[in-house]
């Protein structure tokens, strides 16, 4: 069985269509601002928090300065006021819209001696030193809080003494002062929420002896907000041209692919039919790769293969079978003396 080669013009056509297809894909890709969808850092921000304080003293004969700096031990009954400054900074690498709020509150708690770390207080009282403050910012990359809060030491000593009056208790008391801050925003470019909460804390013992003030204010951190990055079209005309070329080239390829499939199916049936005929009449038919010379013969075309077979039975000259690949025809040729009888079988099944 001979395999029919694809015509040269079909090969050229398919090659051109494939080139157009590749070019259309290139145009579409070029029109996009391609950002692979991936979880990446889209916003980074830093936070810093610090509490500074000075301990101002009542009039006394022991200290010449009106206040003592932070980080010392203090005699409780000499303390007048503790001026505490709460500093907090939030800074991002991109601008976005957000709301932030903050407040400073204090809680005075009294415990039985030695039970502070494992039991609830016997008594506590809450104070608002700076009320809740809320602010909205647009297209901003951060905010700062700087609040100085005076803490009158005797006020809290008196409140503890009022609670303990008439009670035979051995206790220890602490004033916990906290700055609470929250941010709630939206980074619209990636539709990512920015939410964060922070607390700066200082603890002041309420006592008759010597005290040490402690702070939990070392807020120094960096955060990375992760988001998904999508592609966007930046050149719509280019994308439209690329899409049209893509659709046209795909349509041609699909149509030609269907034609090639159908042609291949027809060719298989065509070759099978020829092979079956040759097998059936193998004693009188012989396949040849070279077209017989018919120049000096009187050529007679026969309309029916059976007529040609009957003629061969009479003349005993044999039938040559030659396939013309370019025209998808198979010629059955009977040559006798100066005459040649031909029956043509075409690929589409028509018989001349």
C-alpha atoms as a PDB file:
ATOM      1  CA  UNK A   1       0.000   0.000   0.000  1.00  0.00           C
ATOM      2  CA  UNK A   2       1.394   3.373  -0.989  1.00  0.00           C
ATOM      3  CA  UNK A   3       1.056   6.362   1.347  1.00  0.00           C
ATOM      4  CA  UNK A   4      -0.165   9.550  -0.241  1.00  0.00           C
ATOM      5  CA  UNK A   5       1.984  12.549   0.675  1.00  0.00           C
ATOM      6  CA  UNK A   6       0.401  15.823   1.674  1.00  0.00           C
ATOM      7  CA  UNK A   7       0.340  18.256  -1.273  1.00  0.00           C
ATOM      8  CA  UNK A   8       2.957  20.997  -1.131  1.00  0.00           C
ATOM      9  CA  UNK A   9       0.369  23.795  -1.193  1.00  0.00           C
ATOM     10  CA  UNK A  10      -1.345  22.270   1.866  1.00  0.00           C
ATOM     11  CA  UNK A  11       1.961  22.162   3.727  1.00  0.00           C
ATOM     12  CA  UNK A  12       2.573  25.833   2.919  1.00  0.00           C
ATOM     13  CA  UNK A  13      -0.937  26.754   4.053  1.00  0.00           C
ATOM     14  CA  UNK A  14      -0.613  24.918   7.378  1.00  0.00           C
ATOM     15  CA  UNK A  15       2.835  26.436   7.972  1.00  0.00           C
ATOM     16  CA  UNK A  16       1.454  29.955   7.432  1.00  0.00           C
ATOM     17  CA  UNK A  17      -1.487  29.289   9.766  1.00  0.00           C
ATOM     18  CA  UNK A  18       0.831  27.996  12.504  1.00  0.00           C
ATOM     19  CA  UNK A  19       3.025  31.103  12.147  1.00  0.00           C
ATOM     20  CA  UNK A  20      -0.074  33.334  12.431  1.00  0.00           C
ATOM     21  CA  UNK A  21      -1.194  31.359  15.483  1.00  0.00           C
ATOM     22  CA  UNK A  22       2.167  31.846  17.211  1.00  0.00           C
ATOM     23  CA  UNK A  23       2.162  35.535  16.269  1.00  0.00           C
ATOM     24  CA  UNK A  24      -1.362  36.020  17.677  1.00  0.00           C
ATOM     25  CA  UNK A  25      -0.317  34.454  20.993  1.00  0.00           C
ATOM     26  CA  UNK A  26       2.693  36.793  21.049  1.00  0.00           C
ATOM     27  CA  UNK A  27       0.409  39.813  20.497  1.00  0.00           C
ATOM     28  CA  UNK A  28      -1.931  38.761  23.304  1.00  0.00           C
ATOM     29  CA  UNK A  29       0.944  38.206  25.732  1.00  0.00           C
ATOM     30  CA  UNK A  30       2.481  41.560  24.748  1.00  0.00           C
ATOM     31  CA  UNK A  31      -0.822  43.326  25.512  1.00  0.00           C
ATOM     32  CA  UNK A  32      -0.918  41.988  29.055  1.00  0.00           C
ATOM     33  CA  UNK A  33       0.805  43.260  32.136  1.00  0.00           C
ATOM     34  CA  UNK A  34       1.640  39.721  33.143  1.00  0.00           C
ATOM     35  CA  UNK A  35       2.076  39.132  36.830  1.00  0.00           C
ATOM     36  CA  UNK A  36       2.090  35.500  37.757  1.00  0.00           C
ATOM     37  CA  UNK A  37      -0.546  34.690  40.308  1.00  0.00           C
ATOM     38  CA  UNK A  38       1.564  34.058  43.313  1.00  0.00           C
ATOM     39  CA  UNK A  39       1.557  34.727  47.004  1.00  0.00           C
ATOM     40  CA  UNK A  40       4.028  37.561  47.394  1.00  0.00           C
ATOM     41  CA  UNK A  41       4.781  40.494  49.674  1.00  0.00           C
ATOM     42  CA  UNK A  42       2.599  43.412  48.560  1.00  0.00           C
ATOM     43  CA  UNK A  43       2.916  45.651  51.605  1.00  0.00           C
ATOM     44  CA  UNK A  44       5.461  45.923  54.405  1.00  0.00           C
ATOM     45  CA  UNK A  45       5.181  47.977  57.574  1.00  0.00           C
ATOM     46  CA  UNK A  46       7.257  48.698  60.654  1.00  0.00           C
ATOM     47  CA  UNK A  47       6.111  49.408  64.201  1.00  0.00           C
ATOM     48  CA  UNK A  48       7.997  51.078  67.009  1.00  0.00           C
ATOM     49  CA  UNK A  49       6.749  51.693  70.540  1.00  0.00           C
ATOM     50  CA  UNK A  50       8.367  53.183  73.600  1.00  0.00           C
ATOM     51  CA  UNK A  51       7.354  54.513  77.019  1.00  0.00           C
ATOM     52  CA  UNK A  52       9.459  57.230  78.632  1.00  0.00           C
ATOM     53  CA  UNK A  53       8.786  58.622  82.074  1.00  0.00           C
ATOM     54  CA  UNK A  54      10.053  60.933  84.773  1.00  0.00           C
ATOM     55  CA  UNK A  55       9.265  60.632  88.451  1.00  0.00           C
ATOM     56  CA  UNK A  56       8.594  64.062  89.961  1.00  0.00           C
ATOM     57  CA  UNK A  57       9.159  64.404  93.695  1.00  0.00           C
ATOM     58  CA  UNK A  58       7.397  66.191  96.484  1.00  0.00           C
ATOM     59  CA  UNK A  59       9.328  68.887  98.261  1.00  0.00           C
ATOM     60  CA  UNK A  60      12.041  67.206 100.322  1.00  0.00           C
ATOM     61  CA  UNK A  61      15.475  67.808 101.817  1.00  0.00           C
ATOM     62  CA  UNK A  62      17.116  64.767 100.207  1.00  0.00           C
ATOM     63  CA  UNK A  63      17.012  65.506  96.460  1.00  0.00           C
ATOM     64  CA  UNK A  64      17.898  68.784  94.831  1.00  0.00           C
ATOM     65  CA  UNK A  65      16.414  67.934  91.443  1.00  0.00           C
ATOM     66  CA  UNK A  66      12.635  68.142  91.001  1.00  0.00           C
ATOM     67  CA  UNK A  67      12.489  64.743  89.296  1.00  0.00           C
ATOM     68  CA  UNK A  68      14.333  61.466  88.860  1.00  0.00           C
ATOM     69  CA  UNK A  69      14.907  59.826  85.482  1.00  0.00           C
ATOM     70  CA  UNK A  70      13.567  56.413  84.499  1.00  0.00           C
ATOM     71  CA  UNK A  71      15.275  53.191  85.427  1.00  0.00           C
ATOM     72  CA  UNK A  72      15.900  53.988  89.121  1.00  0.00           C
ATOM     73  CA  UNK A  73      14.431  52.880  92.415  1.00  0.00           C
ATOM     74  CA  UNK A  74      12.073  55.401  94.021  1.00  0.00           C
ATOM     75  CA  UNK A  75      10.943  56.107  97.562  1.00  0.00           C
ATOM     76  CA  UNK A  76       7.192  55.826  97.358  1.00  0.00           C
ATOM     77  CA  UNK A  77       6.229  58.512  99.872  1.00  0.00           C
ATOM     78  CA  UNK A  78       8.375  61.095  98.013  1.00  0.00           C
ATOM     79  CA  UNK A  79       6.629  60.539  94.658  1.00  0.00           C
ATOM     80  CA  UNK A  80       4.370  63.356  93.539  1.00  0.00           C
ATOM     81  CA  UNK A  81       3.669  62.616  89.860  1.00  0.00           C
ATOM     82  CA  UNK A  82       4.892  60.219  87.234  1.00  0.00           C
ATOM     83  CA  UNK A  83       4.823  61.874  83.804  1.00  0.00           C
ATOM     84  CA  UNK A  84       4.652  59.042  81.281  1.00  0.00           C
ATOM     85  CA  UNK A  85       5.026  59.632  77.543  1.00  0.00           C
ATOM     86  CA  UNK A  86       3.649  56.931  75.247  1.00  0.00           C
ATOM     87  CA  UNK A  87       5.195  56.918  71.766  1.00  0.00           C
ATOM     88  CA  UNK A  88       4.043  54.646  68.960  1.00  0.00           C
ATOM     89  CA  UNK A  89       4.877  54.818  65.215  1.00  0.00           C
ATOM     90  CA  UNK A  90       3.352  52.839  62.354  1.00  0.00           C
ATOM     91  CA  UNK A  91       4.987  53.257  58.926  1.00  0.00           C
ATOM     92  CA  UNK A  92       4.258  51.316  55.686  1.00  0.00           C
ATOM     93  CA  UNK A  93       6.129  51.215  52.384  1.00  0.00           C
ATOM     94  CA  UNK A  94       2.951  52.007  50.409  1.00  0.00           C
ATOM     95  CA  UNK A  95       0.040  54.381  50.918  1.00  0.00           C
ATOM     96  CA  UNK A  96      -3.478  53.124  51.635  1.00  0.00           C
ATOM     97  CA  UNK A  97      -6.713  54.129  53.376  1.00  0.00           C
ATOM     98  CA  UNK A  98      -7.163  53.155  57.017  1.00  0.00           C
ATOM     99  CA  UNK A  99      -8.737  53.965  60.365  1.00  0.00           C
ATOM    100  CA  UNK A 100      -6.792  53.833  63.601  1.00  0.00           C
ATOM    101  CA  UNK A 101      -7.764  54.321  67.224  1.00  0.00           C
ATOM    102  CA  UNK A 102      -6.030  54.416  70.575  1.00  0.00           C
ATOM    103  CA  UNK A 103      -6.727  54.908  74.248  1.00  0.00           C
ATOM    104  CA  UNK A 104      -4.764  54.917  77.495  1.00  0.00           C
ATOM    105  CA  UNK A 105      -6.284  53.237  80.491  1.00  0.00           C
ATOM    106  CA  UNK A 106      -5.128  52.161  83.922  1.00  0.00           C
ATOM    107  CA  UNK A 107      -6.108  49.300  86.199  1.00  0.00           C
ATOM    108  CA  UNK A 108      -5.362  49.370  89.927  1.00  0.00           C
ATOM    109  CA  UNK A 109      -5.219  45.821  91.349  1.00  0.00           C
ATOM    110  CA  UNK A 110      -4.718  44.557  94.895  1.00  0.00           C
ATOM    111  CA  UNK A 111      -3.519  41.000  95.649  1.00  0.00           C
ATOM    112  CA  UNK A 112      -2.727  38.995  98.688  1.00  0.00           C
ATOM    113  CA  UNK A 113       1.006  39.033  99.095  1.00  0.00           C
ATOM    114  CA  UNK A 114       2.667  36.451  96.795  1.00  0.00           C
ATOM    115  CA  UNK A 115      -0.460  35.639  94.753  1.00  0.00           C
ATOM    116  CA  UNK A 116      -0.108  38.147  91.891  1.00  0.00           C
ATOM    117  CA  UNK A 117       1.105  35.623  89.316  1.00  0.00           C
ATOM    118  CA  UNK A 118      -1.415  32.847  89.961  1.00  0.00           C
ATOM    119  CA  UNK A 119      -4.605  34.363  91.357  1.00  0.00           C
ATOM    120  CA  UNK A 120      -7.131  37.020  90.477  1.00  0.00           C
ATOM    121  CA  UNK A 121      -6.881  40.280  92.416  1.00  0.00           C
ATOM    122  CA  UNK A 122      -8.878  40.783  95.583  1.00  0.00           C
ATOM    123  CA  UNK A 123      -9.945  44.118  94.205  1.00  0.00           C
ATOM    124  CA  UNK A 124      -9.388  46.248  91.131  1.00  0.00           C
ATOM    125  CA  UNK A 125     -10.447  49.592  89.762  1.00  0.00           C
ATOM    126  CA  UNK A 126     -10.266  50.930  86.203  1.00  0.00           C
ATOM    127  CA  UNK A 127      -9.409  54.466  85.041  1.00  0.00           C
ATOM    128  CA  UNK A 128      -9.506  56.198  81.680  1.00  0.00           C
ATOM    129  CA  UNK A 129      -6.484  58.418  81.290  1.00  0.00           C
ATOM    130  CA  UNK A 130      -6.913  59.172  77.548  1.00  0.00           C
ATOM    131  CA  UNK A 131     -10.346  58.405  76.084  1.00  0.00           C
ATOM    132  CA  UNK A 132     -10.776  56.399  72.900  1.00  0.00           C
ATOM    133  CA  UNK A 133      -9.626  58.493  69.957  1.00  0.00           C
ATOM    134  CA  UNK A 134     -10.427  57.433  66.369  1.00  0.00           C
ATOM    135  CA  UNK A 135      -8.996  58.917  63.184  1.00  0.00           C
ATOM    136  CA  UNK A 136      -9.441  58.141  59.485  1.00  0.00           C
ATOM    137  CA  UNK A 137      -6.636  58.673  57.005  1.00  0.00           C
ATOM    138  CA  UNK A 138      -6.719  58.404  53.213  1.00  0.00           C
ATOM    139  CA  UNK A 139      -3.755  57.691  50.977  1.00  0.00           C
ATOM    140  CA  UNK A 140      -1.383  57.611  53.929  1.00  0.00           C
ATOM    141  CA  UNK A 141       1.495  55.359  54.827  1.00  0.00           C
ATOM    142  CA  UNK A 142       1.359  55.637  58.620  1.00  0.00           C
ATOM    143  CA  UNK A 143       0.579  57.434  61.831  1.00  0.00           C
ATOM    144  CA  UNK A 144       2.203  58.488  65.104  1.00  0.00           C
ATOM    145  CA  UNK A 145       0.962  58.619  68.677  1.00  0.00           C
ATOM    146  CA  UNK A 146       2.626  60.816  71.281  1.00  0.00           C
ATOM    147  CA  UNK A 147       0.707  61.152  74.526  1.00  0.00           C
ATOM    148  CA  UNK A 148       2.074  62.507  77.826  1.00  0.00           C
ATOM    149  CA  UNK A 149       0.039  61.278  80.794  1.00  0.00           C
ATOM    150  CA  UNK A 150       0.430  62.604  84.349  1.00  0.00           C
ATOM    151  CA  UNK A 151      -0.078  59.949  87.008  1.00  0.00           C
ATOM    152  CA  UNK A 152      -0.702  61.372  90.478  1.00  0.00           C
ATOM    153  CA  UNK A 153       0.775  58.721  92.753  1.00  0.00           C
ATOM    154  CA  UNK A 154      -1.161  59.706  95.898  1.00  0.00           C
ATOM    155  CA  UNK A 155      -4.496  59.315  94.077  1.00  0.00           C
ATOM    156  CA  UNK A 156      -3.924  55.576  93.700  1.00  0.00           C
ATOM    157  CA  UNK A 157      -2.398  55.191  97.163  1.00  0.00           C
ATOM    158  CA  UNK A 158      -5.551  56.742  98.609  1.00  0.00           C
ATOM    159  CA  UNK A 159      -7.815  54.459  96.558  1.00  0.00           C
ATOM    160  CA  UNK A 160      -5.960  51.370  97.807  1.00  0.00           C
ATOM    161  CA  UNK A 161      -6.076  52.622 101.411  1.00  0.00           C
ATOM    162  CA  UNK A 162      -9.822  53.245 101.095  1.00  0.00           C
ATOM    163  CA  UNK A 163     -10.332  49.662  99.983  1.00  0.00           C
ATOM    164  CA  UNK A 164      -8.165  48.258 102.786  1.00  0.00           C
ATOM    165  CA  UNK A 165      -9.672  50.401 105.541  1.00  0.00           C
ATOM    166  CA  UNK A 166     -11.040  48.205 108.303  1.00  0.00           C
ATOM    167  CA  UNK A 167      -9.672  45.034 106.709  1.00  0.00           C
ATOM    168  CA  UNK A 168      -6.902  43.052 108.305  1.00  0.00           C
ATOM    169  CA  UNK A 169      -5.117  42.053 105.073  1.00  0.00           C
ATOM    170  CA  UNK A 170      -1.533  41.774 103.981  1.00  0.00           C
ATOM    171  CA  UNK A 171      -1.545  42.885 100.367  1.00  0.00           C
ATOM    172  CA  UNK A 172       0.435  44.262  97.468  1.00  0.00           C
ATOM    173  CA  UNK A 173      -0.974  46.613  94.817  1.00  0.00           C
ATOM    174  CA  UNK A 174       0.006  47.618  91.297  1.00  0.00           C
ATOM    175  CA  UNK A 175      -1.135  50.235  88.834  1.00  0.00           C
ATOM    176  CA  UNK A 176      -0.996  48.934  85.235  1.00  0.00           C
ATOM    177  CA  UNK A 177      -1.110  51.665  82.591  1.00  0.00           C
ATOM    178  CA  UNK A 178      -1.663  50.645  78.950  1.00  0.00           C
ATOM    179  CA  UNK A 179      -1.701  52.291  75.554  1.00  0.00           C
ATOM    180  CA  UNK A 180      -3.973  50.262  73.249  1.00  0.00           C
ATOM    181  CA  UNK A 181      -3.840  50.996  69.517  1.00  0.00           C
ATOM    182  CA  UNK A 182      -5.582  49.385  66.515  1.00  0.00           C
ATOM    183  CA  UNK A 183      -5.410  49.868  62.759  1.00  0.00           C
ATOM    184  CA  UNK A 184      -7.987  48.691  60.240  1.00  0.00           C
ATOM    185  CA  UNK A 185      -7.316  49.449  56.574  1.00  0.00           C
ATOM    186  CA  UNK A 186      -7.535  48.229  52.999  1.00  0.00           C
ATOM    187  CA  UNK A 187      -4.737  48.181  50.457  1.00  0.00           C
ATOM    188  CA  UNK A 188      -7.026  48.548  47.449  1.00  0.00           C
ATOM    189  CA  UNK A 189      -4.492  47.716  44.745  1.00  0.00           C
ATOM    190  CA  UNK A 190      -4.483  44.097  45.943  1.00  0.00           C
ATOM    191  CA  UNK A 191      -7.721  44.190  47.961  1.00  0.00           C
ATOM    192  CA  UNK A 192      -5.798  43.145  51.067  1.00  0.00           C
ATOM    193  CA  UNK A 193      -6.879  44.049  54.600  1.00  0.00           C
ATOM    194  CA  UNK A 194      -4.410  45.597  57.026  1.00  0.00           C
ATOM    195  CA  UNK A 195      -5.308  44.841  60.617  1.00  0.00           C
ATOM    196  CA  UNK A 196      -3.071  45.125  63.656  1.00  0.00           C
ATOM    197  CA  UNK A 197      -3.279  45.664  67.415  1.00  0.00           C
ATOM    198  CA  UNK A 198      -0.542  46.716  69.827  1.00  0.00           C
ATOM    199  CA  UNK A 199      -0.233  47.366  73.531  1.00  0.00           C
ATOM    200  CA  UNK A 200       2.400  49.335  75.482  1.00  0.00           C
ATOM    201  CA  UNK A 201       2.351  48.637  79.203  1.00  0.00           C
ATOM    202  CA  UNK A 202       3.953  50.071  82.319  1.00  0.00           C
ATOM    203  CA  UNK A 203       3.504  48.703  85.845  1.00  0.00           C
ATOM    204  CA  UNK A 204       3.852  50.892  88.942  1.00  0.00           C
ATOM    205  CA  UNK A 205       3.838  49.302  92.400  1.00  0.00           C
ATOM    206  CA  UNK A 206       1.649  51.130  94.946  1.00  0.00           C
ATOM    207  CA  UNK A 207       3.565  50.817  98.174  1.00  0.00           C
ATOM    208  CA  UNK A 208       4.908  52.551 101.258  1.00  0.00           C
ATOM    209  CA  UNK A 209       8.469  51.430 100.618  1.00  0.00           C
ATOM    210  CA  UNK A 210      10.795  51.548  97.645  1.00  0.00           C
ATOM    211  CA  UNK A 211       9.405  50.799  94.185  1.00  0.00           C
ATOM    212  CA  UNK A 212      10.720  49.965  90.712  1.00  0.00           C
ATOM    213  CA  UNK A 213       8.687  50.814  87.639  1.00  0.00           C
ATOM    214  CA  UNK A 214       8.679  48.288  84.794  1.00  0.00           C
ATOM    215  CA  UNK A 215       7.661  48.751  81.183  1.00  0.00           C
ATOM    216  CA  UNK A 216       6.718  46.328  78.444  1.00  0.00           C
ATOM    217  CA  UNK A 217       7.151  48.624  75.514  1.00  0.00           C
ATOM    218  CA  UNK A 218       9.786  47.138  73.216  1.00  0.00           C
ATOM    219  CA  UNK A 219       7.545  47.139  70.167  1.00  0.00           C
ATOM    220  CA  UNK A 220      10.003  47.038  67.270  1.00  0.00           C
ATOM    221  CA  UNK A 221       8.800  44.781  64.515  1.00  0.00           C
ATOM    222  CA  UNK A 222       8.364  44.480  60.769  1.00  0.00           C
ATOM    223  CA  UNK A 223       5.472  42.752  59.050  1.00  0.00           C
ATOM    224  CA  UNK A 224       4.987  41.621  55.459  1.00  0.00           C
ATOM    225  CA  UNK A 225       1.483  41.474  54.043  1.00  0.00           C
ATOM    226  CA  UNK A 226       1.066  38.677  51.496  1.00  0.00           C
ATOM    227  CA  UNK A 227      -1.259  38.982  48.532  1.00  0.00           C
ATOM    228  CA  UNK A 228      -2.103  37.440  45.147  1.00  0.00           C
ATOM    229  CA  UNK A 229      -0.997  39.306  42.067  1.00  0.00           C
ATOM    230  CA  UNK A 230      -3.144  39.056  38.914  1.00  0.00           C
ATOM    231  CA  UNK A 231      -2.583  39.986  35.277  1.00  0.00           C
ATOM    232  CA  UNK A 232      -4.192  43.028  33.636  1.00  0.00           C
ATOM    233  CA  UNK A 233      -4.665  44.123  30.000  1.00  0.00           C
ATOM    234  CA  UNK A 234      -2.651  47.258  29.226  1.00  0.00           C
ATOM    235  CA  UNK A 235      -3.062  47.423  25.410  1.00  0.00           C
ATOM    236  CA  UNK A 236      -6.632  46.594  24.417  1.00  0.00           C
ATOM    237  CA  UNK A 237      -6.252  47.150  20.606  1.00  0.00           C
ATOM    238  CA  UNK A 238      -3.249  44.826  20.537  1.00  0.00           C
ATOM    239  CA  UNK A 239      -5.169  42.262  22.571  1.00  0.00           C
ATOM    240  CA  UNK A 240      -8.157  42.529  20.175  1.00  0.00           C
ATOM    241  CA  UNK A 241      -5.985  42.004  17.069  1.00  0.00           C
ATOM    242  CA  UNK A 242      -4.220  39.070  18.702  1.00  0.00           C
ATOM    243  CA  UNK A 243      -7.546  37.517  19.733  1.00  0.00           C
ATOM    244  CA  UNK A 244      -8.996  37.819  16.203  1.00  0.00           C
ATOM    245  CA  UNK A 245      -5.907  36.264  14.629  1.00  0.00           C
ATOM    246  CA  UNK A 246      -5.963  33.514  17.254  1.00  0.00           C
ATOM    247  CA  UNK A 247      -9.618  32.686  16.563  1.00  0.00           C
ATOM    248  CA  UNK A 248      -9.135  32.712  12.773  1.00  0.00           C
ATOM    249  CA  UNK A 249      -5.985  30.576  12.838  1.00  0.00           C
ATOM    250  CA  UNK A 250      -7.523  28.075  15.274  1.00  0.00           C
ATOM    251  CA  UNK A 251     -10.658  27.875  13.119  1.00  0.00           C
ATOM    252  CA  UNK A 252      -8.568  27.134   9.993  1.00  0.00           C
ATOM    253  CA  UNK A 253      -6.501  24.520  11.823  1.00  0.00           C
ATOM    254  CA  UNK A 254      -9.608  22.810  13.197  1.00  0.00           C
ATOM    255  CA  UNK A 255     -11.340  22.865   9.797  1.00  0.00           C
ATOM    256  CA  UNK A 256      -8.250  21.565   7.976  1.00  0.00           C
ATOM    257  CA  UNK A 257      -7.702  19.006  10.696  1.00  0.00           C
ATOM    258  CA  UNK A 258     -11.228  17.700  10.169  1.00  0.00           C
ATOM    259  CA  UNK A 259     -10.657  17.615   6.398  1.00  0.00           C
ATOM    260  CA  UNK A 260      -7.381  15.744   6.881  1.00  0.00           C
ATOM    261  CA  UNK A 261      -9.083  13.238   9.168  1.00  0.00           C
ATOM    262  CA  UNK A 262     -11.870  12.649   6.651  1.00  0.00           C
ATOM    263  CA  UNK A 263      -9.361  12.410   3.784  1.00  0.00           C
ATOM    264  CA  UNK A 264      -7.272   9.921   5.705  1.00  0.00           C
ATOM    265  CA  UNK A 265     -10.348   7.821   6.382  1.00  0.00           C
ATOM    266  CA  UNK A 266     -11.295   7.881   2.698  1.00  0.00           C
ATOM    267  CA  UNK A 267      -7.712   7.055   1.684  1.00  0.00           C
ATOM    268  CA  UNK A 268      -7.659   4.036   3.981  1.00  0.00           C
ATOM    269  CA  UNK A 269     -10.876   2.712   2.459  1.00  0.00           C
ATOM    270  CA  UNK A 270      -9.591   3.514  -1.054  1.00  0.00           C
ATOM    271  CA  UNK A 271      -6.309   1.593  -0.522  1.00  0.00           C
ATOM    272  CA  UNK A 272      -8.092  -1.278   1.200  1.00  0.00           C
ATOM    273  CA  UNK A 273     -10.494  -1.655  -1.720  1.00  0.00           C
ATOM    274  CA  UNK A 274      -7.614  -1.643  -4.236  1.00  0.00           C
ATOM    275  CA  UNK A 275      -5.630  -4.187  -2.194  1.00  0.00           C
ATOM    276  CA  UNK A 276      -8.664  -6.476  -1.909  1.00  0.00           C
ATOM    277  CA  UNK A 277      -9.213  -6.361  -5.674  1.00  0.00           C
ATOM    278  CA  UNK A 278      -5.563  -7.179  -6.374  1.00  0.00           C
ATOM    279  CA  UNK A 279      -5.648 -10.038  -3.845  1.00  0.00           C
ATOM    280  CA  UNK A 280      -8.832 -11.410  -5.356  1.00  0.00           C
ATOM    281  CA  UNK A 281      -7.431 -11.323  -8.899  1.00  0.00           C
ATOM    282  CA  UNK A 282      -3.782 -11.840  -8.076  1.00  0.00           C
ATOM    283  CA  UNK A 283      -3.380 -14.318 -10.932  1.00  0.00           C
ATOM    284  CA  UNK A 284      -4.231 -11.721 -13.559  1.00  0.00           C
ATOM    285  CA  UNK A 285      -3.299  -8.415 -11.788  1.00  0.00           C
ATOM    286  CA  UNK A 286       0.158  -7.065 -11.106  1.00  0.00           C
ATOM    287  CA  UNK A 287       1.016  -3.818  -9.288  1.00  0.00           C
ATOM    288  CA  UNK A 288       3.597  -1.669 -11.056  1.00  0.00           C
ATOM    289  CA  UNK A 289       5.520   1.388  -9.863  1.00  0.00           C
ATOM    290  CA  UNK A 290       6.072   2.698 -13.367  1.00  0.00           C
ATOM    291  CA  UNK A 291       3.417   3.931 -15.735  1.00  0.00           C
ATOM    292  CA  UNK A 292       3.276   1.769 -18.861  1.00  0.00           C
ATOM    293  CA  UNK A 293       4.142   3.498 -22.142  1.00  0.00           C
ATOM    294  CA  UNK A 294       0.917   4.112 -24.033  1.00  0.00           C
ATOM    295  CA  UNK A 295       2.225   6.550 -26.634  1.00  0.00           C
ATOM    296  CA  UNK A 296       1.754   4.293 -29.632  1.00  0.00           C
ATOM    297  CA  UNK A 297      -1.308   2.518 -28.311  1.00  0.00           C
ATOM    298  CA  UNK A 298      -4.939   3.102 -29.041  1.00  0.00           C
ATOM    299  CA  UNK A 299      -6.253   3.889 -25.534  1.00  0.00           C
ATOM    300  CA  UNK A 300      -9.761   2.808 -24.654  1.00  0.00           C
ATOM    301  CA  UNK A 301     -11.301   3.799 -21.302  1.00  0.00           C
ATOM    302  CA  UNK A 302     -13.637   1.248 -19.769  1.00  0.00           C
ATOM    303  CA  UNK A 303     -16.488   2.249 -17.481  1.00  0.00           C
ATOM    304  CA  UNK A 304     -16.625  -0.953 -15.442  1.00  0.00           C
ATOM    305  CA  UNK A 305     -13.849  -3.004 -13.867  1.00  0.00           C
ATOM    306  CA  UNK A 306     -15.748  -6.247 -14.445  1.00  0.00           C
ATOM    307  CA  UNK A 307     -15.734  -5.568 -18.181  1.00  0.00           C
ATOM    308  CA  UNK A 308     -11.960  -5.211 -18.039  1.00  0.00           C
ATOM    309  CA  UNK A 309     -11.625  -8.478 -16.129  1.00  0.00           C
ATOM    310  CA  UNK A 310     -13.824 -10.304 -18.662  1.00  0.00           C
ATOM    311  CA  UNK A 311     -11.682  -8.876 -21.473  1.00  0.00           C
ATOM    312  CA  UNK A 312      -8.520 -10.153 -19.753  1.00  0.00           C
ATOM    313  CA  UNK A 313     -10.118 -13.609 -19.508  1.00  0.00           C
ATOM    314  CA  UNK A 314     -10.518 -13.545 -23.248  1.00  0.00           C
ATOM    315  CA  UNK A 315      -7.150 -12.054 -24.205  1.00  0.00           C
ATOM    316  CA  UNK A 316      -4.989 -13.571 -21.413  1.00  0.00           C
ATOM    317  CA  UNK A 317      -2.769 -10.460 -21.367  1.00  0.00           C
ATOM    318  CA  UNK A 318      -2.834  -9.643 -17.649  1.00  0.00           C
ATOM    319  CA  UNK A 319      -3.784  -6.358 -15.973  1.00  0.00           C
ATOM    320  CA  UNK A 320      -1.224  -3.849 -14.722  1.00  0.00           C
ATOM    321  CA  UNK A 321      -2.214  -1.772 -11.657  1.00  0.00           C
ATOM    322  CA  UNK A 322      -0.631   1.677 -11.394  1.00  0.00           C
ATOM    323  CA  UNK A 323      -1.462   4.235  -8.689  1.00  0.00           C
ATOM    324  CA  UNK A 324      -1.189   7.919  -9.576  1.00  0.00           C
ATOM    325  CA  UNK A 325      -0.465   9.531  -6.225  1.00  0.00           C
ATOM    326  CA  UNK A 326      -0.897  13.158  -7.262  1.00  0.00           C
ATOM    327  CA  UNK A 327      -4.404  12.649  -8.648  1.00  0.00           C
ATOM    328  CA  UNK A 328      -5.496   9.942  -6.198  1.00  0.00           C
ATOM    329  CA  UNK A 329      -6.316   7.544  -9.002  1.00  0.00           C
ATOM    330  CA  UNK A 330      -5.535   3.897  -9.632  1.00  0.00           C
ATOM    331  CA  UNK A 331      -5.385   2.742 -13.233  1.00  0.00           C
ATOM    332  CA  UNK A 332      -6.106  -0.836 -14.200  1.00  0.00           C
ATOM    333  CA  UNK A 333      -4.420  -1.267 -17.615  1.00  0.00           C
ATOM    334  CA  UNK A 334      -4.761  -4.165 -20.059  1.00  0.00           C
ATOM    335  CA  UNK A 335      -2.372  -3.964 -23.032  1.00  0.00           C
ATOM    336  CA  UNK A 336      -2.812  -6.206 -26.070  1.00  0.00           C
ATOM    337  CA  UNK A 337      -0.872  -5.617 -29.248  1.00  0.00           C
ATOM    338  CA  UNK A 338      -1.550  -1.985 -30.269  1.00  0.00           C
ATOM    339  CA  UNK A 339      -4.458  -1.393 -27.922  1.00  0.00           C
ATOM    340  CA  UNK A 340      -4.693  -0.469 -24.238  1.00  0.00           C
ATOM    341  CA  UNK A 341      -7.865  -0.713 -22.194  1.00  0.00           C
ATOM    342  CA  UNK A 342      -7.952   1.394 -18.998  1.00  0.00           C
ATOM    343  CA  UNK A 343     -10.278   1.465 -16.023  1.00  0.00           C
ATOM    344  CA  UNK A 344      -9.785   4.386 -13.561  1.00  0.00           C
ATOM    345  CA  UNK A 345     -10.676   4.116  -9.893  1.00  0.00           C
ATOM    346  CA  UNK A 346     -10.708   7.475  -8.077  1.00  0.00           C
ATOM    347  CA  UNK A 347     -10.230   8.191  -4.366  1.00  0.00           C
ATOM    348  CA  UNK A 348     -13.752   9.574  -3.911  1.00  0.00           C
ATOM    349  CA  UNK A 349     -15.186   6.289  -5.129  1.00  0.00           C
ATOM    350  CA  UNK A 350     -16.305   7.554  -8.527  1.00  0.00           C
ATOM    351  CA  UNK A 351     -15.571   5.122 -11.341  1.00  0.00           C
ATOM    352  CA  UNK A 352     -15.006   6.418 -14.830  1.00  0.00           C
END
